[in-house]
Amino acid sequence: MEIQLTNILFQVVNFGVVFGALVILLYKPVLKLFEERSKRIAEGQKAAEEAIKEKEKIKALEEKTKKQLEKKRAKVMEKAVAEAEAEKQRIIDEAHVQAQAMLDKALRKWEEEKERLKEQMLAEMANAVIKVSEKVLKETLDAKKHQKLIDQELKVILKEI
């Protein structure tokens, strides 16, 4: 086994050509591929971080909006309650007015009925007084005597009522 320099040289050149071809054809494209993949991963991570930040902003905005809506809802509820109270008071006042009107009407009717019954009672009493006085006095009274006697008796009766 002899070492041949030409074979070694040929093997070195051959190794160099294959190595150079592998570097050019495989190593550089693989490095380029790894580099691009690293960039995409970095971009993905950056995009994910931005998405997380954006999500946090959206969540904060939702919370803010929710609080604003809650305040608006509270104001609307307060307004609705106030309007309901005002409507309730208006209805109560209207009912009081109607009840007072009904009471006044009933009192007027009662007073009218009272006056009518009083007049009817006075007329019946006047007739009774005339009949009793005719029987007691055994004579018919003229209009002046009748009226005087009736007035006296009515005064006595009205004082008792």
Protein backbone atom coordinates (compact mmCIF):
# COMPACT_ATOMS: atom_id res chain seq x y z
CA MET A 1 0.00 0.00 0.00
CA GLU A 2 1.62 2.78 -1.18
CA ILE A 3 0.56 6.30 -0.70
CA GLN A 4 0.05 7.92 -3.96
CA LEU A 5 0.13 11.60 -3.97
CA THR A 6 -2.06 11.94 -7.02
CA ASN A 7 -4.78 9.90 -5.41
CA ILE A 8 -4.62 11.98 -2.26
CA LEU A 9 -4.62 15.13 -4.29
CA PHE A 10 -7.46 13.81 -6.36
CA GLN A 11 -9.36 12.87 -3.17
CA VAL A 12 -8.71 16.33 -1.66
CA VAL A 13 -9.89 18.09 -4.81
CA ASN A 14 -12.84 15.75 -5.04
CA PHE A 15 -13.65 16.35 -1.36
CA GLY A 16 -13.29 20.12 -1.90
CA VAL A 17 -15.64 20.07 -4.91
CA VAL A 18 -18.23 17.97 -3.09
CA PHE A 19 -17.84 20.08 0.04
CA GLY A 20 -18.15 23.30 -1.99
CA ALA A 21 -21.17 21.94 -3.84
CA LEU A 22 -22.80 20.86 -0.57
CA VAL A 23 -22.11 24.23 1.00
CA ILE A 24 -23.50 26.06 -2.02
CA LEU A 25 -26.36 23.70 -2.75
CA LEU A 26 -27.40 22.58 0.74
CA TYR A 27 -25.77 24.45 3.60
CA LYS A 28 -26.51 28.01 2.43
CA PRO A 29 -30.15 27.26 1.45
CA VAL A 30 -30.70 25.43 4.74
CA LEU A 31 -29.18 28.36 6.65
CA LYS A 32 -31.31 30.73 4.62
CA LEU A 33 -34.35 28.54 5.36
CA PHE A 34 -33.52 28.48 9.09
CA GLU A 35 -33.00 32.25 9.04
CA GLU A 36 -36.34 32.83 7.31
CA ARG A 37 -38.01 30.46 9.73
CA SER A 38 -36.43 32.33 12.66
CA LYS A 39 -37.71 35.60 11.20
CA ARG A 40 -41.21 34.14 10.78
CA ILE A 41 -41.15 32.80 14.34
CA ALA A 42 -39.96 36.20 15.60
CA GLU A 43 -42.67 37.90 13.55
CA GLY A 44 -45.23 35.41 14.88
CA GLN A 45 -44.12 36.07 18.44
CA LYS A 46 -44.24 39.80 17.82
CA ALA A 47 -47.69 39.45 16.25
CA ALA A 48 -48.79 37.30 19.20
CA GLU A 49 -47.52 39.89 21.66
CA GLU A 50 -49.31 42.63 19.70
CA ALA A 51 -52.46 40.50 19.65
CA ILE A 52 -52.19 40.02 23.41
CA LYS A 53 -51.71 43.77 23.89
CA GLU A 54 -54.62 44.43 21.53
CA LYS A 55 -56.72 41.91 23.41
CA GLU A 56 -55.86 43.65 26.68
CA LYS A 57 -56.79 47.00 25.14
CA ILE A 58 -60.07 45.54 23.91
CA LYS A 59 -60.74 44.06 27.35
CA ALA A 60 -59.98 47.41 28.99
CA LEU A 61 -62.24 49.13 26.46
CA GLU A 62 -64.97 46.58 27.16
CA GLU A 63 -64.64 47.21 30.89
CA LYS A 64 -64.76 50.96 30.33
CA THR A 65 -67.78 50.60 28.05
CA LYS A 66 -69.42 48.27 30.54
CA LYS A 67 -68.91 50.81 33.33
CA GLN A 68 -70.28 53.60 31.12
CA LEU A 69 -73.28 51.47 30.22
CA GLU A 70 -73.78 50.66 33.87
CA LYS A 71 -73.74 54.37 34.73
CA LYS A 72 -76.15 55.13 31.89
CA ARG A 73 -78.40 52.27 33.00
CA ALA A 74 -78.35 53.61 36.56
CA LYS A 75 -79.24 57.09 35.30
CA VAL A 76 -82.04 55.70 33.16
CA MET A 77 -83.32 53.70 36.12
CA GLU A 78 -83.18 56.77 38.36
CA LYS A 79 -85.04 58.77 35.74
CA ALA A 80 -87.61 56.00 35.30
CA VAL A 81 -88.09 55.74 39.06
CA ALA A 82 -88.46 59.52 39.34
CA GLU A 83 -90.97 59.55 36.49
CA ALA A 84 -92.84 56.66 38.08
CA GLU A 85 -92.90 58.51 41.41
CA ALA A 86 -94.18 61.65 39.70
CA GLU A 87 -96.83 59.64 37.85
CA LYS A 88 -97.78 57.90 41.08
CA GLN A 89 -98.09 61.25 42.86
CA ARG A 90 -100.12 62.67 39.96
CA ILE A 91 -102.48 59.68 40.07
CA ILE A 92 -102.80 59.95 43.85
CA ASP A 93 -103.49 63.70 43.60
CA GLU A 94 -106.04 63.09 40.86
CA ALA A 95 -107.69 60.40 42.98
CA HIS A 96 -107.79 62.80 45.94
CA VAL A 97 -109.39 65.47 43.77
CA GLN A 98 -111.95 62.98 42.44
CA ALA A 99 -112.64 61.67 45.94
CA GLN A 100 -113.05 65.23 47.24
CA ALA A 101 -115.39 66.05 44.36
CA MET A 102 -117.44 62.93 45.09
CA LEU A 103 -117.50 63.77 48.78
CA ASP A 104 -118.58 67.37 48.05
CA LYS A 105 -121.30 66.10 45.71
CA ALA A 106 -122.51 63.61 48.33
CA LEU A 107 -122.50 66.35 51.00
CA ARG A 108 -124.50 68.67 48.72
CA LYS A 109 -127.02 65.90 48.03
CA TRP A 110 -127.20 65.14 51.71
CA GLU A 111 -127.74 68.83 52.55
CA GLU A 112 -130.43 69.11 49.86
CA GLU A 113 -132.12 65.96 51.11
CA LYS A 114 -131.86 67.25 54.66
CA GLU A 115 -133.45 70.57 53.67
CA ARG A 116 -136.18 68.81 51.68
CA LEU A 117 -136.93 66.48 54.58
CA LYS A 118 -136.86 69.42 56.99
CA GLU A 119 -139.38 71.33 54.87
CA GLN A 120 -141.54 68.25 54.51
CA MET A 121 -141.37 67.64 58.24
CA LEU A 122 -142.22 71.28 58.98
CA ALA A 123 -145.23 71.12 56.64
CA GLU A 124 -146.42 67.90 58.27
CA MET A 125 -145.88 69.37 61.71
CA ALA A 126 -147.76 72.50 60.72
CA ASN A 127 -150.68 70.39 59.60
CA ALA A 128 -150.48 68.38 62.81
CA VAL A 129 -150.34 71.55 64.92
CA ILE A 130 -153.36 72.97 63.09
CA LYS A 131 -155.36 69.78 63.61
CA VAL A 132 -154.33 69.50 67.26
CA SER A 133 -155.08 73.16 67.93
CA GLU A 134 -158.47 72.88 66.25
CA LYS A 135 -159.28 69.91 68.44
CA VAL A 136 -157.93 71.57 71.57
CA LEU A 137 -159.54 74.94 70.92
CA LYS A 138 -162.61 73.47 69.28
CA GLU A 139 -162.71 76.23 66.76
CA THR A 140 -161.21 77.02 63.42
CA LEU A 141 -158.44 79.56 63.43
CA ASP A 142 -158.07 82.28 60.85
CA ALA A 143 -154.90 82.62 58.73
CA LYS A 144 -153.15 85.09 61.09
CA LYS A 145 -153.74 82.97 64.15
CA HIS A 146 -152.69 79.83 62.26
CA GLN A 147 -149.45 81.42 61.11
CA LYS A 148 -148.63 82.82 64.55
CA LEU A 149 -149.29 79.51 66.24
CA ILE A 150 -147.28 77.59 63.61
CA ASP A 151 -144.32 79.94 63.91
CA GLN A 152 -144.26 79.58 67.68
CA GLU A 153 -144.36 75.79 67.55
CA LEU A 154 -141.76 75.61 64.80
CA LYS A 155 -139.37 77.76 66.78
CA VAL A 156 -139.71 75.43 69.74
CA ILE A 157 -139.15 72.36 67.53
CA LEU A 158 -136.19 73.87 65.69
CA LYS A 159 -134.51 74.70 68.98
CA GLU A 160 -134.81 71.06 69.98
CA ILE A 161 -133.36 69.83 66.69
